[in-house]
PDB file of N, CA and C in Angstrom:
ATOM      1  N   UNK A   1     117.133  75.289  64.156  1.00  0.00           N
ATOM      2  CA  UNK A   1     116.992  76.527  63.669  1.00  0.00           C
ATOM      3  C   UNK A   1     115.415  76.568  63.841  1.00  0.00           C
ATOM      4  N   UNK A   2     114.588  76.238  63.662  1.00  0.00           N
ATOM      5  CA  UNK A   2     113.342  76.510  63.740  1.00  0.00           C
ATOM      6  C   UNK A   2     112.979  76.095  64.950  1.00  0.00           C
ATOM      7  N   UNK A   3     113.399  74.944  65.873  1.00  0.00           N
ATOM      8  CA  UNK A   3     112.777  75.291  67.376  1.00  0.00           C
ATOM      9  C   UNK A   3     113.535  76.726  68.141  1.00  0.00           C
ATOM     10  N   UNK A   4     114.409  76.601  68.053  1.00  0.00           N
ATOM     11  CA  UNK A   4     115.125  77.928  68.403  1.00  0.00           C
ATOM     12  C   UNK A   4     114.463  79.127  68.095  1.00  0.00           C
ATOM     13  N   UNK A   5     113.765  79.666  66.835  1.00  0.00           N
ATOM     14  CA  UNK A   5     112.920  80.330  66.513  1.00  0.00           C
ATOM     15  C   UNK A   5     111.658  79.856  67.765  1.00  0.00           C
ATOM     16  N   UNK A   6     111.145  79.014  67.727  1.00  0.00           N
ATOM     17  CA  UNK A   6     110.014  78.925  68.068  1.00  0.00           C
ATOM     18  C   UNK A   6     109.828  79.412  70.344  1.00  0.00           C
ATOM     19  N   UNK A   7     111.130  79.136  70.592  1.00  0.00           N
ATOM     20  CA  UNK A   7     111.067  78.967  71.408  1.00  0.00           C
ATOM     21  C   UNK A   7     111.552  80.364  71.873  1.00  0.00           C
ATOM     22  N   UNK A   8     112.225  81.619  71.346  1.00  0.00           N
ATOM     23  CA  UNK A   8     112.473  82.845  71.041  1.00  0.00           C
ATOM     24  C   UNK A   8     110.851  83.672  70.654  1.00  0.00           C
ATOM     25  N   UNK A   9     110.060  83.100  70.074  1.00  0.00           N
ATOM     26  CA  UNK A   9     109.099  83.584  69.959  1.00  0.00           C
ATOM     27  C   UNK A   9     107.658  83.532  71.454  1.00  0.00           C
ATOM     28  N   UNK A  10     108.079  82.093  71.487  1.00  0.00           N
ATOM     29  CA  UNK A  10     107.128  81.562  72.677  1.00  0.00           C
ATOM     30  C   UNK A  10     107.847  82.436  74.644  1.00  0.00           C
ATOM     31  N   UNK A  11     109.013  82.802  74.471  1.00  0.00           N
ATOM     32  CA  UNK A  11     109.742  83.658  75.764  1.00  0.00           C
ATOM     33  C   UNK A  11     109.049  85.152  75.011  1.00  0.00           C
ATOM     34  N   UNK A  12     109.251  85.473  74.266  1.00  0.00           N
ATOM     35  CA  UNK A  12     108.554  87.176  73.847  1.00  0.00           C
ATOM     36  C   UNK A  12     107.195  87.233  73.935  1.00  0.00           C
ATOM     37  N   UNK A  13     106.169  85.888  73.664  1.00  0.00           N
ATOM     38  CA  UNK A  13     104.681  86.323  74.155  1.00  0.00           C
ATOM     39  C   UNK A  13     104.371  85.939  75.237  1.00  0.00           C
ATOM     40  N   UNK A  14     105.269  85.015  76.055  1.00  0.00           N
ATOM     41  CA  UNK A  14     105.160  84.737  77.583  1.00  0.00           C
ATOM     42  C   UNK A  14     105.342  86.187  78.336  1.00  0.00           C
ATOM     43  N   UNK A  15     106.503  86.710  77.773  1.00  0.00           N
ATOM     44  CA  UNK A  15     106.606  87.429  78.825  1.00  0.00           C
ATOM     45  C   UNK A  15     105.916  88.967  78.535  1.00  0.00           C
ATOM     46  N   UNK A  16     105.711  89.021  77.202  1.00  0.00           N
ATOM     47  CA  UNK A  16     104.964  90.276  76.614  1.00  0.00           C
ATOM     48  C   UNK A  16     103.413  90.261  77.259  1.00  0.00           C
ATOM     49  N   UNK A  17     102.759  89.093  77.411  1.00  0.00           N
ATOM     50  CA  UNK A  17     101.145  88.828  78.125  1.00  0.00           C
ATOM     51  C   UNK A  17     101.656  88.908  79.606  1.00  0.00           C
ATOM     52  N   UNK A  18     102.516  88.755  80.069  1.00  0.00           N
ATOM     53  CA  UNK A  18     102.477  88.873  81.761  1.00  0.00           C
ATOM     54  C   UNK A  18     102.712  89.801  82.033  1.00  0.00           C
ATOM     55  N   UNK A  19     103.044  90.494  81.784  1.00  0.00           N
ATOM     56  CA  UNK A  19     102.882  92.364  82.018  1.00  0.00           C
ATOM     57  C   UNK A  19     101.468  93.209  82.440  1.00  0.00           C
ATOM     58  N   UNK A  20     100.611  93.097  82.923  1.00  0.00           N
ATOM     59  CA  UNK A  20      99.401  93.996  83.509  1.00  0.00           C
ATOM     60  C   UNK A  20     100.161  95.259  83.686  1.00  0.00           C
ATOM     61  N   UNK A  21      98.804  95.886  83.060  1.00  0.00           N
ATOM     62  CA  UNK A  21      98.943  97.003  83.687  1.00  0.00           C
ATOM     63  C   UNK A  21      97.376  97.396  84.475  1.00  0.00           C
ATOM     64  N   UNK A  22      97.802  98.048  85.500  1.00  0.00           N
ATOM     65  CA  UNK A  22      97.032  98.252  86.487  1.00  0.00           C
ATOM     66  C   UNK A  22      96.865  99.649  86.488  1.00  0.00           C
ATOM     67  N   UNK A  23      95.633  99.637  86.564  1.00  0.00           N
ATOM     68  CA  UNK A  23      95.165 101.246  86.896  1.00  0.00           C
ATOM     69  C   UNK A  23      94.333 101.731  88.563  1.00  0.00           C
ATOM     70  N   UNK A  24      95.753 101.664  89.421  1.00  0.00           N
ATOM     71  CA  UNK A  24      95.286 102.058  90.609  1.00  0.00           C
ATOM     72  C   UNK A  24      95.697 103.931  90.939  1.00  0.00           C
ATOM     73  N   UNK A  25      94.656 104.412  91.720  1.00  0.00           N
ATOM     74  CA  UNK A  25      94.461 105.648  92.447  1.00  0.00           C
ATOM     75  C   UNK A  25      95.121 105.365  93.663  1.00  0.00           C
ATOM     76  N   UNK A  26      96.227 106.357  93.871  1.00  0.00           N
ATOM     77  CA  UNK A  26      96.986 107.021  95.361  1.00  0.00           C
ATOM     78  C   UNK A  26      96.097 107.552  95.886  1.00  0.00           C
ATOM     79  N   UNK A  27      96.081 107.011  97.175  1.00  0.00           N
ATOM     80  CA  UNK A  27      95.182 107.823  98.455  1.00  0.00           C
ATOM     81  C   UNK A  27      96.262 108.835  98.874  1.00  0.00           C
ATOM     82  N   UNK A  28      95.587 110.321  99.307  1.00  0.00           N
ATOM     83  CA  UNK A  28      96.225 111.037  99.854  1.00  0.00           C
ATOM     84  C   UNK A  28      95.307 111.200 100.875  1.00  0.00           C
ATOM     85  N   UNK A  29      95.830 111.343 102.211  1.00  0.00           N
ATOM     86  CA  UNK A  29      95.566 112.264 103.424  1.00  0.00           C
ATOM     87  C   UNK A  29      95.682 113.046 104.011  1.00  0.00           C
ATOM     88  N   UNK A  30      95.204 114.135 104.870  1.00  0.00           N
ATOM     89  CA  UNK A  30      95.885 115.286 104.715  1.00  0.00           C
ATOM     90  C   UNK A  30      95.483 115.002 106.648  1.00  0.00           C
ATOM     91  N   UNK A  31      95.961 114.556 107.451  1.00  0.00           N
ATOM     92  CA  UNK A  31      95.722 114.432 109.015  1.00  0.00           C
ATOM     93  C   UNK A  31      96.319 115.116 109.898  1.00  0.00           C
ATOM     94  N   UNK A  32      97.108 116.653 109.552  1.00  0.00           N
ATOM     95  CA  UNK A  32      97.291 117.358 110.451  1.00  0.00           C
ATOM     96  C   UNK A  32      97.008 118.729 109.745  1.00  0.00           C
ATOM     97  N   UNK A  33      96.582 119.659 110.398  1.00  0.00           N
ATOM     98  CA  UNK A  33      96.465 120.975 110.035  1.00  0.00           C
ATOM     99  C   UNK A  33      96.657 121.734 111.033  1.00  0.00           C
ATOM    100  N   UNK A  34      98.151 122.077 110.813  1.00  0.00           N
ATOM    101  CA  UNK A  34      98.679 123.239 112.102  1.00  0.00           C
ATOM    102  C   UNK A  34      99.579 124.424 111.380  1.00  0.00           C
ATOM    103  N   UNK A  35      99.083 125.575 112.342  1.00  0.00           N
ATOM    104  CA  UNK A  35      99.798 126.974 112.072  1.00  0.00           C
ATOM    105  C   UNK A  35     100.269 127.266 113.320  1.00  0.00           C
ATOM    106  N   UNK A  36     101.362 127.860 113.394  1.00  0.00           N
ATOM    107  CA  UNK A  36     101.975 128.782 114.885  1.00  0.00           C
ATOM    108  C   UNK A  36     101.663 130.234 114.376  1.00  0.00           C
ATOM    109  N   UNK A  37     101.951 131.166 115.267  1.00  0.00           N
ATOM    110  CA  UNK A  37     101.668 132.157 115.020  1.00  0.00           C
ATOM    111  C   UNK A  37     102.638 132.926 116.386  1.00  0.00           C
ATOM    112  N   UNK A  38     103.103 134.578 115.856  1.00  0.00           N
ATOM    113  CA  UNK A  38     104.200 134.571 116.845  1.00  0.00           C
ATOM    114  C   UNK A  38     103.183 135.942 117.490  1.00  0.00           C
ATOM    115  N   UNK A  39     102.509 136.356 116.608  1.00  0.00           N
ATOM    116  CA  UNK A  39     101.218 137.834 117.972  1.00  0.00           C
ATOM    117  C   UNK A  39     100.080 137.189 117.913  1.00  0.00           C
ATOM    118  N   UNK A  40      99.291 138.385 118.874  1.00  0.00           N
ATOM    119  CA  UNK A  40      97.940 137.217 119.142  1.00  0.00           C
ATOM    120  C   UNK A  40      97.067 137.780 117.655  1.00  0.00           C
ATOM    121  N   UNK A  41      97.295 139.103 117.451  1.00  0.00           N
ATOM    122  CA  UNK A  41      96.660 139.331 116.437  1.00  0.00           C
ATOM    123  C   UNK A  41      96.316 138.454 115.462  1.00  0.00           C
ATOM    124  N   UNK A  42      97.737 137.682 115.093  1.00  0.00           N
ATOM    125  CA  UNK A  42      97.456 136.614 113.919  1.00  0.00           C
ATOM    126  C   UNK A  42      96.216 135.768 114.026  1.00  0.00           C
ATOM    127  N   UNK A  43      95.887 135.607 114.892  1.00  0.00           N
ATOM    128  CA  UNK A  43      95.109 134.803 114.739  1.00  0.00           C
ATOM    129  C   UNK A  43      93.111 135.372 114.421  1.00  0.00           C
ATOM    130  N   UNK A  44      93.511 136.651 114.207  1.00  0.00           N
ATOM    131  CA  UNK A  44      92.589 137.025 113.186  1.00  0.00           C
ATOM    132  C   UNK A  44      92.722 136.982 111.602  1.00  0.00           C
ATOM    133  N   UNK A  45      93.607 136.255 111.238  1.00  0.00           N
ATOM    134  CA  UNK A  45      94.108 135.490 109.604  1.00  0.00           C
ATOM    135  C   UNK A  45      93.537 134.723 109.147  1.00  0.00           C
ATOM    136  N   UNK A  46      93.012 133.968 110.632  1.00  0.00           N
ATOM    137  CA  UNK A  46      92.258 132.385 109.741  1.00  0.00           C
ATOM    138  C   UNK A  46      91.582 132.249 108.971  1.00  0.00           C
ATOM    139  N   UNK A  47      91.625 131.143 108.011  1.00  0.00           N
ATOM    140  CA  UNK A  47      90.643 131.218 106.962  1.00  0.00           C
ATOM    141  C   UNK A  47      90.188 130.132 107.421  1.00  0.00           C
ATOM    142  N   UNK A  48      89.126 130.049 108.504  1.00  0.00           N
ATOM    143  CA  UNK A  48      88.390 129.399 108.879  1.00  0.00           C
ATOM    144  C   UNK A  48      87.653 128.191 107.894  1.00  0.00           C
ATOM    145  N   UNK A  49      87.334 128.931 106.856  1.00  0.00           N
ATOM    146  CA  UNK A  49      86.328 127.736 105.649  1.00  0.00           C
ATOM    147  C   UNK A  49      87.005 127.380 104.777  1.00  0.00           C
ATOM    148  N   UNK A  50      88.590 127.632 104.785  1.00  0.00           N
ATOM    149  CA  UNK A  50      89.666 127.008 104.045  1.00  0.00           C
ATOM    150  C   UNK A  50      90.213 125.339 104.793  1.00  0.00           C
ATOM    151  N   UNK A  51      89.744 125.347 106.009  1.00  0.00           N
ATOM    152  CA  UNK A  51      90.034 123.882 106.587  1.00  0.00           C
ATOM    153  C   UNK A  51      89.081 123.039 106.368  1.00  0.00           C
ATOM    154  N   UNK A  52      87.934 122.861 106.239  1.00  0.00           N
ATOM    155  CA  UNK A  52      87.360 122.022 105.554  1.00  0.00           C
ATOM    156  C   UNK A  52      87.816 121.200 104.396  1.00  0.00           C
ATOM    157  N   UNK A  53      87.544 122.495 102.987  1.00  0.00           N
ATOM    158  CA  UNK A  53      88.180 122.198 101.961  1.00  0.00           C
ATOM    159  C   UNK A  53      89.741 121.655 101.992  1.00  0.00           C
ATOM    160  N   UNK A  54      90.121 121.996 102.748  1.00  0.00           N
ATOM    161  CA  UNK A  54      92.075 121.117 102.752  1.00  0.00           C
ATOM    162  C   UNK A  54      91.495 119.291 102.765  1.00  0.00           C
ATOM    163  N   UNK A  55      91.120 119.643 103.994  1.00  0.00           N
ATOM    164  CA  UNK A  55      90.392 117.883 104.268  1.00  0.00           C
ATOM    165  C   UNK A  55      89.378 117.627 103.845  1.00  0.00           C
ATOM    166  N   UNK A  56      88.550 117.961 103.181  1.00  0.00           N
ATOM    167  CA  UNK A  56      87.288 117.058 102.112  1.00  0.00           C
ATOM    168  C   UNK A  56      87.821 116.023 101.915  1.00  0.00           C
ATOM    169  N   UNK A  57      88.966 115.479 101.232  1.00  0.00           N
ATOM    170  CA  UNK A  57      89.237 114.006 100.803  1.00  0.00           C
ATOM    171  C   UNK A  57      89.454 112.758 100.839  1.00  0.00           C
ATOM    172  N   UNK A  58      90.152 113.622 102.497  1.00  0.00           N
ATOM    173  CA  UNK A  58      90.306 112.254 103.379  1.00  0.00           C
ATOM    174  C   UNK A  58      88.857 111.291 103.767  1.00  0.00           C
ATOM    175  N   UNK A  59      89.126 110.371 104.052  1.00  0.00           N
ATOM    176  CA  UNK A  59      88.346 108.897 104.010  1.00  0.00           C
ATOM    177  C   UNK A  59      87.200 109.567 105.239  1.00  0.00           C
ATOM    178  N   UNK A  60      86.431 109.189 105.577  1.00  0.00           N
ATOM    179  CA  UNK A  60      85.407 109.710 106.505  1.00  0.00           C
ATOM    180  C   UNK A  60      86.116 109.088 107.938  1.00  0.00           C
ATOM    181  N   UNK A  61      86.443 107.958 108.031  1.00  0.00           N
ATOM    182  CA  UNK A  61      87.148 107.647 109.358  1.00  0.00           C
ATOM    183  C   UNK A  61      88.124 108.290 109.740  1.00  0.00           C
ATOM    184  N   UNK A  62      89.190 108.975 108.861  1.00  0.00           N
ATOM    185  CA  UNK A  62      90.468 109.200 108.458  1.00  0.00           C
ATOM    186  C   UNK A  62      90.600 110.204 110.024  1.00  0.00           C
ATOM    187  N   UNK A  63      91.381 110.192 110.992  1.00  0.00           N
ATOM    188  CA  UNK A  63      91.509 111.279 112.162  1.00  0.00           C
ATOM    189  C   UNK A  63      92.247 112.110 111.400  1.00  0.00           C
ATOM    190  N   UNK A  64      92.079 113.604 111.999  1.00  0.00           N
ATOM    191  CA  UNK A  64      92.579 114.684 111.703  1.00  0.00           C
ATOM    192  C   UNK A  64      92.688 115.630 113.090  1.00  0.00           C
ATOM    193  N   UNK A  65      93.843 116.042 113.091  1.00  0.00           N
ATOM    194  CA  UNK A  65      94.252 117.228 114.141  1.00  0.00           C
ATOM    195  C   UNK A  65      93.985 118.521 113.466  1.00  0.00           C
ATOM    196  N   UNK A  66      93.873 119.026 114.483  1.00  0.00           N
ATOM    197  CA  UNK A  66      93.907 120.689 113.643  1.00  0.00           C
ATOM    198  C   UNK A  66      94.799 121.329 115.303  1.00  0.00           C
ATOM    199  N   UNK A  67      95.987 122.267 114.687  1.00  0.00           N
ATOM    200  CA  UNK A  67      96.653 122.723 116.057  1.00  0.00           C
ATOM    201  C   UNK A  67      97.016 123.514 115.574  1.00  0.00           C
ATOM    202  N   UNK A  68      96.800 124.690 116.712  1.00  0.00           N
ATOM    203  CA  UNK A  68      96.905 126.325 116.848  1.00  0.00           C
ATOM    204  C   UNK A  68      97.713 126.708 118.048  1.00  0.00           C
ATOM    205  N   UNK A  69      99.267 127.393 117.736  1.00  0.00           N
ATOM    206  CA  UNK A  69      99.451 127.822 118.246  1.00  0.00           C
ATOM    207  C   UNK A  69     100.079 129.273 118.566  1.00  0.00           C
ATOM    208  N   UNK A  70     100.861 129.624 119.606  1.00  0.00           N
ATOM    209  CA  UNK A  70     101.241 130.883 119.435  1.00  0.00           C
ATOM    210  C   UNK A  70     102.494 130.583 120.351  1.00  0.00           C
ATOM    211  N   UNK A  71     103.736 131.502 119.904  1.00  0.00           N
ATOM    212  CA  UNK A  71     104.879 131.446 120.682  1.00  0.00           C
ATOM    213  C   UNK A  71     105.581 132.970 120.326  1.00  0.00           C
ATOM    214  N   UNK A  72     105.282 133.018 121.797  1.00  0.00           N
ATOM    215  CA  UNK A  72     106.152 134.825 121.907  1.00  0.00           C
ATOM    216  C   UNK A  72     107.476 134.864 121.888  1.00  0.00           C
ATOM    217  N   UNK A  73     107.884 135.900 121.700  1.00  0.00           N
ATOM    218  CA  UNK A  73     109.240 136.499 121.483  1.00  0.00           C
ATOM    219  C   UNK A  73     109.827 136.582 123.075  1.00  0.00           C
ATOM    220  N   UNK A  74     111.174 136.170 123.375  1.00  0.00           N
ATOM    221  CA  UNK A  74     111.683 136.465 124.773  1.00  0.00           C
ATOM    222  C   UNK A  74     111.132 137.564 125.004  1.00  0.00           C
ATOM    223  N   UNK A  75     111.121 139.213 124.245  1.00  0.00           N
ATOM    224  CA  UNK A  75     110.778 140.271 125.123  1.00  0.00           C
ATOM    225  C   UNK A  75     109.332 140.458 125.217  1.00  0.00           C
ATOM    226  N   UNK A  76     108.798 139.613 125.258  1.00  0.00           N
ATOM    227  CA  UNK A  76     107.154 140.018 125.070  1.00  0.00           C
ATOM    228  C   UNK A  76     106.796 139.192 126.127  1.00  0.00           C
ATOM    229  N   UNK A  77     107.449 137.562 127.025  1.00  0.00           N
ATOM    230  CA  UNK A  77     106.740 137.108 127.368  1.00  0.00           C
ATOM    231  C   UNK A  77     106.877 137.654 128.905  1.00  0.00           C
ATOM    232  N   UNK A  78     107.540 138.898 129.551  1.00  0.00           N
ATOM    233  CA  UNK A  78     107.349 139.548 130.846  1.00  0.00           C
ATOM    234  C   UNK A  78     105.868 140.301 130.588  1.00  0.00           C
ATOM    235  N   UNK A  79     105.133 140.789 129.192  1.00  0.00           N
ATOM    236  CA  UNK A  79     104.588 141.560 129.049  1.00  0.00           C
ATOM    237  C   UNK A  79     102.697 140.753 129.058  1.00  0.00           C
ATOM    238  N   UNK A  80     102.966 139.728 128.327  1.00  0.00           N
ATOM    239  CA  UNK A  80     101.848 138.755 128.264  1.00  0.00           C
ATOM    240  C   UNK A  80     102.086 137.873 129.031  1.00  0.00           C
ATOM    241  N   UNK A  81     103.089 137.725 129.856  1.00  0.00           N
ATOM    242  CA  UNK A  81     102.892 136.100 131.045  1.00  0.00           C
ATOM    243  C   UNK A  81     102.786 134.715 130.617  1.00  0.00           C
ATOM    244  N   UNK A  82     103.084 134.614 129.401  1.00  0.00           N
ATOM    245  CA  UNK A  82     103.107 132.721 129.251  1.00  0.00           C
ATOM    246  C   UNK A  82     104.320 132.937 127.866  1.00  0.00           C
ATOM    247  N   UNK A  83     104.751 131.873 127.634  1.00  0.00           N
ATOM    248  CA  UNK A  83     105.665 131.329 126.619  1.00  0.00           C
ATOM    249  C   UNK A  83     105.451 130.743 125.350  1.00  0.00           C
ATOM    250  N   UNK A  84     104.384 129.886 125.613  1.00  0.00           N
ATOM    251  CA  UNK A  84     103.917 128.866 124.495  1.00  0.00           C
ATOM    252  C   UNK A  84     102.401 128.645 124.807  1.00  0.00           C
ATOM    253  N   UNK A  85     101.673 128.582 124.292  1.00  0.00           N
ATOM    254  CA  UNK A  85     100.740 128.474 123.843  1.00  0.00           C
ATOM    255  C   UNK A  85      99.964 127.265 122.810  1.00  0.00           C
ATOM    256  N   UNK A  86      99.521 125.933 122.992  1.00  0.00           N
ATOM    257  CA  UNK A  86      99.106 125.465 121.783  1.00  0.00           C
ATOM    258  C   UNK A  86      97.499 125.281 122.098  1.00  0.00           C
ATOM    259  N   UNK A  87      96.766 124.831 120.653  1.00  0.00           N
ATOM    260  CA  UNK A  87      95.349 123.954 121.065  1.00  0.00           C
ATOM    261  C   UNK A  87      95.569 123.120 119.913  1.00  0.00           C
ATOM    262  N   UNK A  88      95.033 121.645 120.445  1.00  0.00           N
ATOM    263  CA  UNK A  88      94.691 120.337 119.691  1.00  0.00           C
ATOM    264  C   UNK A  88      93.231 120.117 119.963  1.00  0.00           C
ATOM    265  N   UNK A  89      93.070 119.865 118.498  1.00  0.00           N
ATOM    266  CA  UNK A  89      91.789 119.644 118.277  1.00  0.00           C
ATOM    267  C   UNK A  89      91.183 118.466 117.447  1.00  0.00           C
ATOM    268  N   UNK A  90      90.928 117.058 117.583  1.00  0.00           N
ATOM    269  CA  UNK A  90      91.402 116.095 117.497  1.00  0.00           C
ATOM    270  C   UNK A  90      89.909 115.453 117.328  1.00  0.00           C
ATOM    271  N   UNK A  91      89.640 114.886 116.111  1.00  0.00           N
ATOM    272  CA  UNK A  91      88.543 114.040 115.469  1.00  0.00           C
ATOM    273  C   UNK A  91      88.874 113.182 114.074  1.00  0.00           C
ATOM    274  N   UNK A  92      87.713 112.534 113.884  1.00  0.00           N
ATOM    275  CA  UNK A  92      87.396 111.922 112.724  1.00  0.00           C
ATOM    276  C   UNK A  92      87.274 113.268 110.981  1.00  0.00           C
ATOM    277  N   UNK A  93      87.413 112.869 110.155  1.00  0.00           N
ATOM    278  CA  UNK A  93      86.916 113.695 109.193  1.00  0.00           C
ATOM    279  C   UNK A  93      85.564 114.196 109.007  1.00  0.00           C
ATOM    280  N   UNK A  94      85.330 113.185 108.824  1.00  0.00           N
ATOM    281  CA  UNK A  94      83.063 113.294 108.560  1.00  0.00           C
ATOM    282  C   UNK A  94      83.029 114.475 109.797  1.00  0.00           C
ATOM    283  N   UNK A  95      83.595 114.571 110.636  1.00  0.00           N
ATOM    284  CA  UNK A  95      83.250 115.679 112.192  1.00  0.00           C
ATOM    285  C   UNK A  95      83.865 116.802 111.605  1.00  0.00           C
ATOM    286  N   UNK A  96      84.745 117.330 110.297  1.00  0.00           N
ATOM    287  CA  UNK A  96      85.433 118.517 110.645  1.00  0.00           C
ATOM    288  C   UNK A  96      85.101 119.728 110.521  1.00  0.00           C
ATOM    289  N   UNK A  97      83.551 119.703 110.077  1.00  0.00           N
ATOM    290  CA  UNK A  97      83.068 121.210 110.786  1.00  0.00           C
ATOM    291  C   UNK A  97      82.486 121.466 112.200  1.00  0.00           C
ATOM    292  N   UNK A  98      82.422 120.332 112.967  1.00  0.00           N
ATOM    293  CA  UNK A  98      82.801 120.394 114.530  1.00  0.00           C
ATOM    294  C   UNK A  98      83.739 120.915 114.669  1.00  0.00           C
ATOM    295  N   UNK A  99      84.719 120.030 114.178  1.00  0.00           N
ATOM    296  CA  UNK A  99      85.825 120.452 114.740  1.00  0.00           C
ATOM    297  C   UNK A  99      86.966 122.147 114.756  1.00  0.00           C
ATOM    298  N   UNK A 100      86.403 122.472 113.567  1.00  0.00           N
ATOM    299  CA  UNK A 100      87.117 123.886 113.592  1.00  0.00           C
ATOM    300  C   UNK A 100      86.039 125.020 114.571  1.00  0.00           C
ATOM    301  N   UNK A 101      84.306 124.319 114.316  1.00  0.00           N
ATOM    302  CA  UNK A 101      83.725 125.686 115.018  1.00  0.00           C
ATOM    303  C   UNK A 101      84.363 125.258 116.496  1.00  0.00           C
ATOM    304  N   UNK A 102      84.623 124.202 116.999  1.00  0.00           N
ATOM    305  CA  UNK A 102      84.780 124.148 118.683  1.00  0.00           C
ATOM    306  C   UNK A 102      86.536 124.519 118.360  1.00  0.00           C
ATOM    307  N   UNK A 103      86.992 124.564 117.682  1.00  0.00           N
ATOM    308  CA  UNK A 103      89.086 125.379 117.811  1.00  0.00           C
ATOM    309  C   UNK A 103      88.225 126.466 117.651  1.00  0.00           C
ATOM    310  N   UNK A 104      87.539 127.195 116.714  1.00  0.00           N
ATOM    311  CA  UNK A 104      86.983 128.392 116.741  1.00  0.00           C
ATOM    312  C   UNK A 104      87.091 129.150 117.932  1.00  0.00           C
ATOM    313  N   UNK A 105      85.656 128.458 118.260  1.00  0.00           N
ATOM    314  CA  UNK A 105      85.039 129.159 119.571  1.00  0.00           C
ATOM    315  C   UNK A 105      86.021 129.096 120.979  1.00  0.00           C
ATOM    316  N   UNK A 106      86.833 128.039 121.038  1.00  0.00           N
ATOM    317  CA  UNK A 106      88.228 127.868 122.000  1.00  0.00           C
ATOM    318  C   UNK A 106      89.250 129.065 121.678  1.00  0.00           C
ATOM    319  N   UNK A 107      89.519 129.062 120.371  1.00  0.00           N
ATOM    320  CA  UNK A 107      90.540 130.317 120.090  1.00  0.00           C
ATOM    321  C   UNK A 107      90.033 131.715 120.396  1.00  0.00           C
ATOM    322  N   UNK A 108      89.067 131.763 120.025  1.00  0.00           N
ATOM    323  CA  UNK A 108      88.381 133.075 120.220  1.00  0.00           C
ATOM    324  C   UNK A 108      88.395 133.681 121.810  1.00  0.00           C
ATOM    325  N   UNK A 109      87.265 132.547 122.503  1.00  0.00           N
ATOM    326  CA  UNK A 109      87.599 132.838 124.230  1.00  0.00           C
ATOM    327  C   UNK A 109      89.101 133.022 124.627  1.00  0.00           C
ATOM    328  N   UNK A 110      89.840 132.178 123.875  1.00  0.00           N
ATOM    329  CA  UNK A 110      91.370 132.201 124.838  1.00  0.00           C
ATOM    330  C   UNK A 110      92.104 133.280 124.145  1.00  0.00           C
ATOM    331  N   UNK A 111      91.987 133.563 122.860  1.00  0.00           N
ATOM    332  CA  UNK A 111      92.390 135.112 122.627  1.00  0.00           C
ATOM    333  C   UNK A 111      92.135 136.325 123.421  1.00  0.00           C
ATOM    334  N   UNK A 112      90.908 136.441 123.443  1.00  0.00           N
ATOM    335  CA  UNK A 112      90.306 137.676 124.049  1.00  0.00           C
ATOM    336  C   UNK A 112      90.805 137.584 125.829  1.00  0.00           C
ATOM    337  N   UNK A 113      90.759 136.398 126.483  1.00  0.00           N
ATOM    338  CA  UNK A 113      91.581 136.399 127.969  1.00  0.00           C
ATOM    339  C   UNK A 113      93.047 137.336 127.610  1.00  0.00           C
ATOM    340  N   UNK A 114      93.688 136.413 127.146  1.00  0.00           N
ATOM    341  CA  UNK A 114      94.819 136.723 126.577  1.00  0.00           C
ATOM    342  C   UNK A 114      95.107 138.368 126.287  1.00  0.00           C
ATOM    343  N   UNK A 115      94.135 139.134 125.468  1.00  0.00           N
ATOM    344  CA  UNK A 115      94.338 140.363 125.097  1.00  0.00           C
ATOM    345  C   UNK A 115      94.213 141.171 126.710  1.00  0.00           C
ATOM    346  N   UNK A 116      93.011 140.745 126.995  1.00  0.00           N
ATOM    347  CA  UNK A 116      92.851 141.181 128.276  1.00  0.00           C
ATOM    348  C   UNK A 116      93.892 141.457 129.568  1.00  0.00           C
ATOM    349  N   UNK A 117      94.853 140.471 129.423  1.00  0.00           N
ATOM    350  CA  UNK A 117      95.829 139.855 130.112  1.00  0.00           C
ATOM    351  C   UNK A 117      97.309 141.080 129.396  1.00  0.00           C
ATOM    352  N   UNK A 118      97.138 140.969 128.335  1.00  0.00           N
ATOM    353  CA  UNK A 118      98.192 141.422 127.915  1.00  0.00           C
ATOM    354  C   UNK A 118      97.828 143.416 128.178  1.00  0.00           C
ATOM    355  N   UNK A 119      96.374 143.722 127.897  1.00  0.00           N
ATOM    356  CA  UNK A 119      96.322 144.957 128.013  1.00  0.00           C
ATOM    357  C   UNK A 119      96.442 145.809 129.598  1.00  0.00           C
TER     358      UNK A 119
END
């Protein structure tokens, strides 16, 4: 009886000490920021300052993509002269501010050309 009790206590102590609590943090990376619009004027509503804030918790070497696209309705295609437009800027998280500047510059010029063609 003593040996059985000893074995039970031994098993309980071994199993309870073998369970180790680990404190690990989960890493979350946002790798793509994509916006799709149906009207040329919607590009004016982009909050450019928000994009670096969203991607600030990524590791510096994480590859991120900024995607901006416009998809026109079928009745607008003939007026504007295009069906689909997409801009993708890609780089490392540590370069996110320059990626945003590049995307903003390209989109501003492209949208002004498309507006001229539309009018």
